[in-house]
Amino acid sequence: LENLNSGCDVYLCGMTLCTLDMQLLAEHR
């Protein structure tokens, strides 16, 4: 919501990869 104040058209964020049972693997490139 704070990001939306920039008034851009699209926001693209990062994510963290996990296994099927949600154990952490790595940050997605």
PDB file of all heavy atoms in Angstrom:
ATOM      1  N   LEU A   1       0.831  -1.207   0.000  1.00  0.00           N
ATOM      2  CA  LEU A   1       0.000   0.000   0.000  1.00  0.00           C
ATOM      3  C   LEU A   1       0.866   1.257   0.000  1.00  0.00           C
ATOM      4  O   LEU A   1       0.546   2.243  -0.679  1.00  0.00           O
ATOM      5  CB  LEU A   1      -0.926  -0.002   1.214  1.00  0.00           C
ATOM      6  CG  LEU A   1      -2.091  -0.999   1.172  1.00  0.00           C
ATOM      7  CD1 LEU A   1      -2.771  -1.071   2.529  1.00  0.00           C
ATOM      8  CD2 LEU A   1      -3.101  -0.623   0.086  1.00  0.00           C
ATOM      9  N   GLU A   2       1.956   1.228   0.723  1.00  0.00           N
ATOM     10  CA  GLU A   2       2.867   2.369   0.715  1.00  0.00           C
ATOM     11  C   GLU A   2       3.518   2.534  -0.654  1.00  0.00           C
ATOM     12  O   GLU A   2       3.687   3.657  -1.143  1.00  0.00           O
ATOM     13  CB  GLU A   2       3.926   2.179   1.797  1.00  0.00           C
ATOM     14  CG  GLU A   2       3.367   2.258   3.214  1.00  0.00           C
ATOM     15  CD  GLU A   2       4.359   1.830   4.276  1.00  0.00           C
ATOM     16  OE1 GLU A   2       5.474   1.389   3.908  1.00  0.00           O
ATOM     17  OE2 GLU A   2       4.024   1.936   5.474  1.00  0.00           O
ATOM     18  N   ASN A   3       3.852   1.428  -1.294  1.00  0.00           N
ATOM     19  CA  ASN A   3       4.454   1.493  -2.635  1.00  0.00           C
ATOM     20  C   ASN A   3       3.509   2.139  -3.648  1.00  0.00           C
ATOM     21  O   ASN A   3       3.949   2.848  -4.565  1.00  0.00           O
ATOM     22  CB  ASN A   3       4.816   0.087  -3.131  1.00  0.00           C
ATOM     23  CG  ASN A   3       5.903  -0.570  -2.317  1.00  0.00           C
ATOM     24  OD1 ASN A   3       6.780   0.097  -1.787  1.00  0.00           O
ATOM     25  ND2 ASN A   3       5.843  -1.885  -2.218  1.00  0.00           N
ATOM     26  N   LEU A   4       2.219   1.882  -3.496  1.00  0.00           N
ATOM     27  CA  LEU A   4       1.248   2.380  -4.463  1.00  0.00           C
ATOM     28  C   LEU A   4       1.226   3.903  -4.546  1.00  0.00           C
ATOM     29  O   LEU A   4       0.724   4.471  -5.522  1.00  0.00           O
ATOM     30  CB  LEU A   4      -0.152   1.856  -4.143  1.00  0.00           C
ATOM     31  CG  LEU A   4      -0.345   0.332  -4.185  1.00  0.00           C
ATOM     32  CD1 LEU A   4      -1.810  -0.013  -3.928  1.00  0.00           C
ATOM     33  CD2 LEU A   4       0.130  -0.256  -5.499  1.00  0.00           C
ATOM     34  N   ASN A   5       1.791   4.560  -3.563  1.00  0.00           N
ATOM     35  CA  ASN A   5       1.841   6.022  -3.589  1.00  0.00           C
ATOM     36  C   ASN A   5       2.722   6.546  -4.717  1.00  0.00           C
ATOM     37  O   ASN A   5       2.630   7.721  -5.076  1.00  0.00           O
ATOM     38  CB  ASN A   5       2.346   6.560  -2.247  1.00  0.00           C
ATOM     39  CG  ASN A   5       1.341   6.338  -1.120  1.00  0.00           C
ATOM     40  OD1 ASN A   5       0.130   6.345  -1.351  1.00  0.00           O
ATOM     41  ND2 ASN A   5       1.830   6.111   0.085  1.00  0.00           N
ATOM     42  N   SER A   6       3.558   5.686  -5.292  1.00  0.00           N
ATOM     43  CA  SER A   6       4.383   6.127  -6.433  1.00  0.00           C
ATOM     44  C   SER A   6       3.555   6.278  -7.703  1.00  0.00           C
ATOM     45  O   SER A   6       4.018   6.859  -8.684  1.00  0.00           O
ATOM     46  CB  SER A   6       5.537   5.155  -6.671  1.00  0.00           C
ATOM     47  OG  SER A   6       5.062   3.901  -7.132  1.00  0.00           O
ATOM     48  N   GLY A   7       2.324   5.713  -7.711  1.00  0.00           N
ATOM     49  CA  GLY A   7       1.426   5.891  -8.844  1.00  0.00           C
ATOM     50  C   GLY A   7       1.856   5.183 -10.112  1.00  0.00           C
ATOM     51  O   GLY A   7       1.459   5.585 -11.217  1.00  0.00           O
ATOM     52  N   CYS A   8       2.660   4.130  -9.987  1.00  0.00           N
ATOM     53  CA  CYS A   8       3.106   3.393 -11.173  1.00  0.00           C
ATOM     54  C   CYS A   8       2.000   2.466 -11.681  1.00  0.00           C
ATOM     55  O   CYS A   8       0.985   2.246 -11.027  1.00  0.00           O
ATOM     56  CB  CYS A   8       4.378   2.613 -10.863  1.00  0.00           C
ATOM     57  SG  CYS A   8       5.835   3.672 -10.691  1.00  0.00           S
ATOM     58  N   ASP A   9       2.229   1.920 -12.865  1.00  0.00           N
ATOM     59  CA  ASP A   9       1.240   1.035 -13.479  1.00  0.00           C
ATOM     60  C   ASP A   9       1.386  -0.406 -13.020  1.00  0.00           C
ATOM     61  O   ASP A   9       0.393  -1.129 -12.891  1.00  0.00           O
ATOM     62  CB  ASP A   9       1.373   1.084 -15.011  1.00  0.00           C
ATOM     63  CG  ASP A   9       1.201   2.474 -15.564  1.00  0.00           C
ATOM     64  OD1 ASP A   9       0.155   3.093 -15.273  1.00  0.00           O
ATOM     65  OD2 ASP A   9       2.097   2.959 -16.282  1.00  0.00           O
ATOM     66  N   VAL A  10       2.631  -0.832 -12.792  1.00  0.00           N
ATOM     67  CA  VAL A  10       2.912  -2.215 -12.403  1.00  0.00           C
ATOM     68  C   VAL A  10       3.968  -2.218 -11.305  1.00  0.00           C
ATOM     69  O   VAL A  10       4.939  -1.445 -11.359  1.00  0.00           O
ATOM     70  CB  VAL A  10       3.431  -3.048 -13.595  1.00  0.00           C
ATOM     71  CG1 VAL A  10       3.667  -4.493 -13.173  1.00  0.00           C
ATOM     72  CG2 VAL A  10       2.463  -3.003 -14.759  1.00  0.00           C
ATOM     73  N   TYR A  11       3.775  -3.091 -10.326  1.00  0.00           N
ATOM     74  CA  TYR A  11       4.740  -3.303  -9.247  1.00  0.00           C
ATOM     75  C   TYR A  11       5.161  -4.764  -9.300  1.00  0.00           C
ATOM     76  O   TYR A  11       4.309  -5.658  -9.352  1.00  0.00           O
ATOM     77  CB  TYR A  11       4.113  -2.968  -7.896  1.00  0.00           C
ATOM     78  CG  TYR A  11       3.702  -1.523  -7.793  1.00  0.00           C
ATOM     79  CD1 TYR A  11       2.505  -1.083  -8.368  1.00  0.00           C
ATOM     80  CD2 TYR A  11       4.514  -0.580  -7.158  1.00  0.00           C
ATOM     81  CE1 TYR A  11       2.131   0.250  -8.313  1.00  0.00           C
ATOM     82  CE2 TYR A  11       4.149   0.750  -7.089  1.00  0.00           C
ATOM     83  CZ  TYR A  11       2.950   1.164  -7.673  1.00  0.00           C
ATOM     84  OH  TYR A  11       2.590   2.483  -7.624  1.00  0.00           O
ATOM     85  N   LEU A  12       6.465  -5.011  -9.302  1.00  0.00           N
ATOM     86  CA  LEU A  12       6.970  -6.373  -9.417  1.00  0.00           C
ATOM     87  C   LEU A  12       7.903  -6.625  -8.242  1.00  0.00           C
ATOM     88  O   LEU A  12       8.931  -5.960  -8.104  1.00  0.00           O
ATOM     89  CB  LEU A  12       7.694  -6.564 -10.752  1.00  0.00           C
ATOM     90  CG  LEU A  12       7.958  -7.996 -11.197  1.00  0.00           C
ATOM     91  CD1 LEU A  12       8.064  -8.066 -12.722  1.00  0.00           C
ATOM     92  CD2 LEU A  12       9.237  -8.558 -10.572  1.00  0.00           C
ATOM     93  N   CYS A  13       7.534  -7.580  -7.387  1.00  0.00           N
ATOM     94  CA  CYS A  13       8.291  -7.830  -6.158  1.00  0.00           C
ATOM     95  C   CYS A  13       9.029  -9.162  -6.215  1.00  0.00           C
ATOM     96  O   CYS A  13       8.736 -10.035  -7.030  1.00  0.00           O
ATOM     97  CB  CYS A  13       7.371  -7.800  -4.946  1.00  0.00           C
ATOM     98  SG  CYS A  13       6.165  -9.146  -4.862  1.00  0.00           S
ATOM     99  N   GLY A  14       9.997  -9.306  -5.316  1.00  0.00           N
ATOM    100  CA  GLY A  14      10.745 -10.545  -5.205  1.00  0.00           C
ATOM    101  C   GLY A  14       9.999 -11.595  -4.407  1.00  0.00           C
ATOM    102  O   GLY A  14       8.937 -11.345  -3.842  1.00  0.00           O
ATOM    103  N   MET A  15      10.593 -12.802  -4.343  1.00  0.00           N
ATOM    104  CA  MET A  15       9.952 -13.910  -3.628  1.00  0.00           C
ATOM    105  C   MET A  15      11.013 -14.856  -3.091  1.00  0.00           C
ATOM    106  O   MET A  15      12.156 -14.875  -3.573  1.00  0.00           O
ATOM    107  CB  MET A  15       9.006 -14.672  -4.555  1.00  0.00           C
ATOM    108  CG  MET A  15       9.728 -15.481  -5.610  1.00  0.00           C
ATOM    109  SD  MET A  15       8.648 -16.027  -6.930  1.00  0.00           S
ATOM    110  CE  MET A  15       8.508 -14.525  -7.888  1.00  0.00           C
ATOM    111  N   THR A  16      10.614 -15.651  -2.110  1.00  0.00           N
ATOM    112  CA  THR A  16      11.486 -16.650  -1.511  1.00  0.00           C
ATOM    113  C   THR A  16      10.979 -18.033  -1.900  1.00  0.00           C
ATOM    114  O   THR A  16       9.797 -18.341  -1.711  1.00  0.00           O
ATOM    115  CB  THR A  16      11.485 -16.510   0.019  1.00  0.00           C
ATOM    116  OG1 THR A  16      11.878 -15.174   0.374  1.00  0.00           O
ATOM    117  CG2 THR A  16      12.444 -17.499   0.658  1.00  0.00           C
ATOM    118  N   LEU A  17      11.857 -18.850  -2.437  1.00  0.00           N
ATOM    119  CA  LEU A  17      11.476 -20.193  -2.873  1.00  0.00           C
ATOM    120  C   LEU A  17      11.480 -21.161  -1.696  1.00  0.00           C
ATOM    121  O   LEU A  17      12.381 -21.138  -0.855  1.00  0.00           O
ATOM    122  CB  LEU A  17      12.442 -20.695  -3.945  1.00  0.00           C
ATOM    123  CG  LEU A  17      12.562 -19.834  -5.206  1.00  0.00           C
ATOM    124  CD1 LEU A  17      13.587 -20.438  -6.164  1.00  0.00           C
ATOM    125  CD2 LEU A  17      11.215 -19.675  -5.889  1.00  0.00           C
ATOM    126  N   CYS A  18      10.459 -22.028  -1.669  1.00  0.00           N
ATOM    127  CA  CYS A  18      10.325 -23.022  -0.604  1.00  0.00           C
ATOM    128  C   CYS A  18       9.997 -24.385  -1.208  1.00  0.00           C
ATOM    129  O   CYS A  18       9.595 -24.492  -2.372  1.00  0.00           O
ATOM    130  CB  CYS A  18       9.204 -22.620   0.355  1.00  0.00           C
ATOM    131  SG  CYS A  18       9.465 -21.032   1.168  1.00  0.00           S
ATOM    132  N   THR A  19      10.161 -25.411  -0.401  1.00  0.00           N
ATOM    133  CA  THR A  19       9.766 -26.746  -0.820  1.00  0.00           C
ATOM    134  C   THR A  19       8.245 -26.868  -0.759  1.00  0.00           C
ATOM    135  O   THR A  19       7.542 -25.942  -0.346  1.00  0.00           O
ATOM    136  CB  THR A  19      10.380 -27.801   0.104  1.00  0.00           C
ATOM    137  OG1 THR A  19       9.875 -27.593   1.438  1.00  0.00           O
ATOM    138  CG2 THR A  19      11.897 -27.706   0.109  1.00  0.00           C
ATOM    139  N   LEU A  20       7.749 -28.025  -1.123  1.00  0.00           N
ATOM    140  CA  LEU A  20       6.308 -28.259  -1.078  1.00  0.00           C
ATOM    141  C   LEU A  20       5.753 -28.096   0.328  1.00  0.00           C
ATOM    142  O   LEU A  20       4.634 -27.600   0.510  1.00  0.00           O
ATOM    143  CB  LEU A  20       5.992 -29.663  -1.613  1.00  0.00           C
ATOM    144  CG  LEU A  20       4.513 -30.030  -1.750  1.00  0.00           C
ATOM    145  CD1 LEU A  20       3.823 -29.150  -2.781  1.00  0.00           C
ATOM    146  CD2 LEU A  20       4.364 -31.506  -2.123  1.00  0.00           C
ATOM    147  N   ASP A  21       6.540 -28.487   1.342  1.00  0.00           N
ATOM    148  CA  ASP A  21       6.083 -28.342   2.727  1.00  0.00           C
ATOM    149  C   ASP A  21       6.597 -27.053   3.363  1.00  0.00           C
ATOM    150  O   ASP A  21       6.657 -26.933   4.592  1.00  0.00           O
ATOM    151  CB  ASP A  21       6.476 -29.560   3.559  1.00  0.00           C
ATOM    152  CG  ASP A  21       7.991 -29.767   3.618  1.00  0.00           C
ATOM    153  OD1 ASP A  21       8.731 -29.035   2.935  1.00  0.00           O
ATOM    154  OD2 ASP A  21       8.435 -30.666   4.366  1.00  0.00           O
ATOM    155  N   MET A  22       6.972 -26.085   2.515  1.00  0.00           N
ATOM    156  CA  MET A  22       7.304 -24.720   2.917  1.00  0.00           C
ATOM    157  C   MET A  22       8.575 -24.611   3.750  1.00  0.00           C
ATOM    158  O   MET A  22       8.688 -23.752   4.615  1.00  0.00           O
ATOM    159  CB  MET A  22       6.127 -24.066   3.636  1.00  0.00           C
ATOM    160  CG  MET A  22       4.886 -23.918   2.773  1.00  0.00           C
ATOM    161  SD  MET A  22       5.194 -23.043   1.206  1.00  0.00           S
ATOM    162  CE  MET A  22       5.464 -21.375   1.760  1.00  0.00           C
ATOM    163  N   GLN A  23       9.562 -25.468   3.478  1.00  0.00           N
ATOM    164  CA  GLN A  23      10.894 -25.270   4.032  1.00  0.00           C
ATOM    165  C   GLN A  23      11.668 -24.355   3.074  1.00  0.00           C
ATOM    166  O   GLN A  23      11.609 -24.523   1.857  1.00  0.00           O
ATOM    167  CB  GLN A  23      11.623 -26.607   4.189  1.00  0.00           C
ATOM    168  CG  GLN A  23      10.991 -27.527   5.217  1.00  0.00           C
ATOM    169  CD  GLN A  23      10.967 -26.925   6.605  1.00  0.00           C
ATOM    170  OE1 GLN A  23      11.974 -26.427   7.094  1.00  0.00           O
ATOM    171  NE2 GLN A  23       9.808 -26.969   7.245  1.00  0.00           N
ATOM    172  N   LEU A  24      12.390 -23.417   3.625  1.00  0.00           N
ATOM    173  CA  LEU A  24      13.071 -22.421   2.802  1.00  0.00           C
ATOM    174  C   LEU A  24      14.162 -23.034   1.937  1.00  0.00           C
ATOM    175  O   LEU A  24      14.913 -23.903   2.371  1.00  0.00           O
ATOM    176  CB  LEU A  24      13.685 -21.353   3.705  1.00  0.00           C
ATOM    177  CG  LEU A  24      12.697 -20.361   4.320  1.00  0.00           C
ATOM    178  CD1 LEU A  24      13.355 -19.629   5.469  1.00  0.00           C
ATOM    179  CD2 LEU A  24      12.220 -19.374   3.288  1.00  0.00           C
ATOM    180  N   LEU A  25      14.250 -22.554   0.698  1.00  0.00           N
ATOM    181  CA  LEU A  25      15.286 -22.975  -0.228  1.00  0.00           C
ATOM    182  C   LEU A  25      16.253 -21.831  -0.533  1.00  0.00           C
ATOM    183  O   LEU A  25      17.417 -21.876  -0.212  1.00  0.00           O
ATOM    184  CB  LEU A  25      14.665 -23.498  -1.531  1.00  0.00           C
ATOM    185  CG  LEU A  25      13.864 -24.789  -1.429  1.00  0.00           C
ATOM    186  CD1 LEU A  25      13.164 -25.090  -2.748  1.00  0.00           C
ATOM    187  CD2 LEU A  25      14.789 -25.945  -1.046  1.00  0.00           C
ATOM    188  N   ALA A  26      15.726 -20.781  -1.195  1.00  0.00           N
ATOM    189  CA  ALA A  26      16.600 -19.676  -1.610  1.00  0.00           C
ATOM    190  C   ALA A  26      15.751 -18.509  -2.066  1.00  0.00           C
ATOM    191  O   ALA A  26      14.551 -18.652  -2.316  1.00  0.00           O
ATOM    192  CB  ALA A  26      17.519 -20.133  -2.747  1.00  0.00           C
ATOM    193  N   GLU A  27      16.393 -17.350  -2.198  1.00  0.00           N
ATOM    194  CA  GLU A  27      15.723 -16.211  -2.807  1.00  0.00           C
ATOM    195  C   GLU A  27      15.692 -16.417  -4.325  1.00  0.00           C
ATOM    196  O   GLU A  27      16.691 -16.831  -4.912  1.00  0.00           O
ATOM    197  CB  GLU A  27      16.446 -14.905  -2.463  1.00  0.00           C
ATOM    198  CG  GLU A  27      16.445 -14.574  -0.975  1.00  0.00           C
ATOM    199  CD  GLU A  27      15.043 -14.497  -0.415  1.00  0.00           C
ATOM    200  OE1 GLU A  27      14.209 -13.750  -0.974  1.00  0.00           O
ATOM    201  OE2 GLU A  27      14.761 -15.188   0.587  1.00  0.00           O
ATOM    202  N   HIS A  28      14.561 -16.138  -4.921  1.00  0.00           N
ATOM    203  CA  HIS A  28      14.418 -16.327  -6.363  1.00  0.00           C
ATOM    204  C   HIS A  28      15.185 -15.241  -7.118  1.00  0.00           C
ATOM    205  O   HIS A  28      15.127 -14.064  -6.771  1.00  0.00           O
ATOM    206  CB  HIS A  28      12.945 -16.276  -6.748  1.00  0.00           C
ATOM    207  CG  HIS A  28      12.701 -16.399  -8.216  1.00  0.00           C
ATOM    208  ND1 HIS A  28      13.152 -17.467  -8.962  1.00  0.00           N
ATOM    209  CD2 HIS A  28      12.059 -15.576  -9.096  1.00  0.00           C
ATOM    210  CE1 HIS A  28      12.786 -17.310 -10.227  1.00  0.00           C
ATOM    211  NE2 HIS A  28      12.137 -16.169 -10.326  1.00  0.00           N
ATOM    212  N   ARG A  29      15.893 -15.651  -8.135  1.00  0.00           N
ATOM    213  CA  ARG A  29      16.641 -14.706  -8.966  1.00  0.00           C
ATOM    214  C   ARG A  29      15.680 -14.052  -9.962  1.00  0.00           C
ATOM    215  O   ARG A  29      15.074 -14.725 -10.773  1.00  0.00           O
ATOM    216  CB  ARG A  29      17.767 -15.421  -9.700  1.00  0.00           C
ATOM    217  CG  ARG A  29      18.817 -16.018  -8.778  1.00  0.00           C
ATOM    218  CD  ARG A  29      19.712 -17.004  -9.497  1.00  0.00           C
ATOM    219  NE  ARG A  29      20.575 -16.386 -10.485  1.00  0.00           N
ATOM    220  CZ  ARG A  29      20.545 -16.634 -11.794  1.00  0.00           C
ATOM    221  NH1 ARG A  29      19.657 -17.478 -12.287  1.00  0.00           N
ATOM    222  NH2 ARG A  29      21.384 -16.048 -12.613  1.00  0.00           N
TER     223      ARG A  29
END
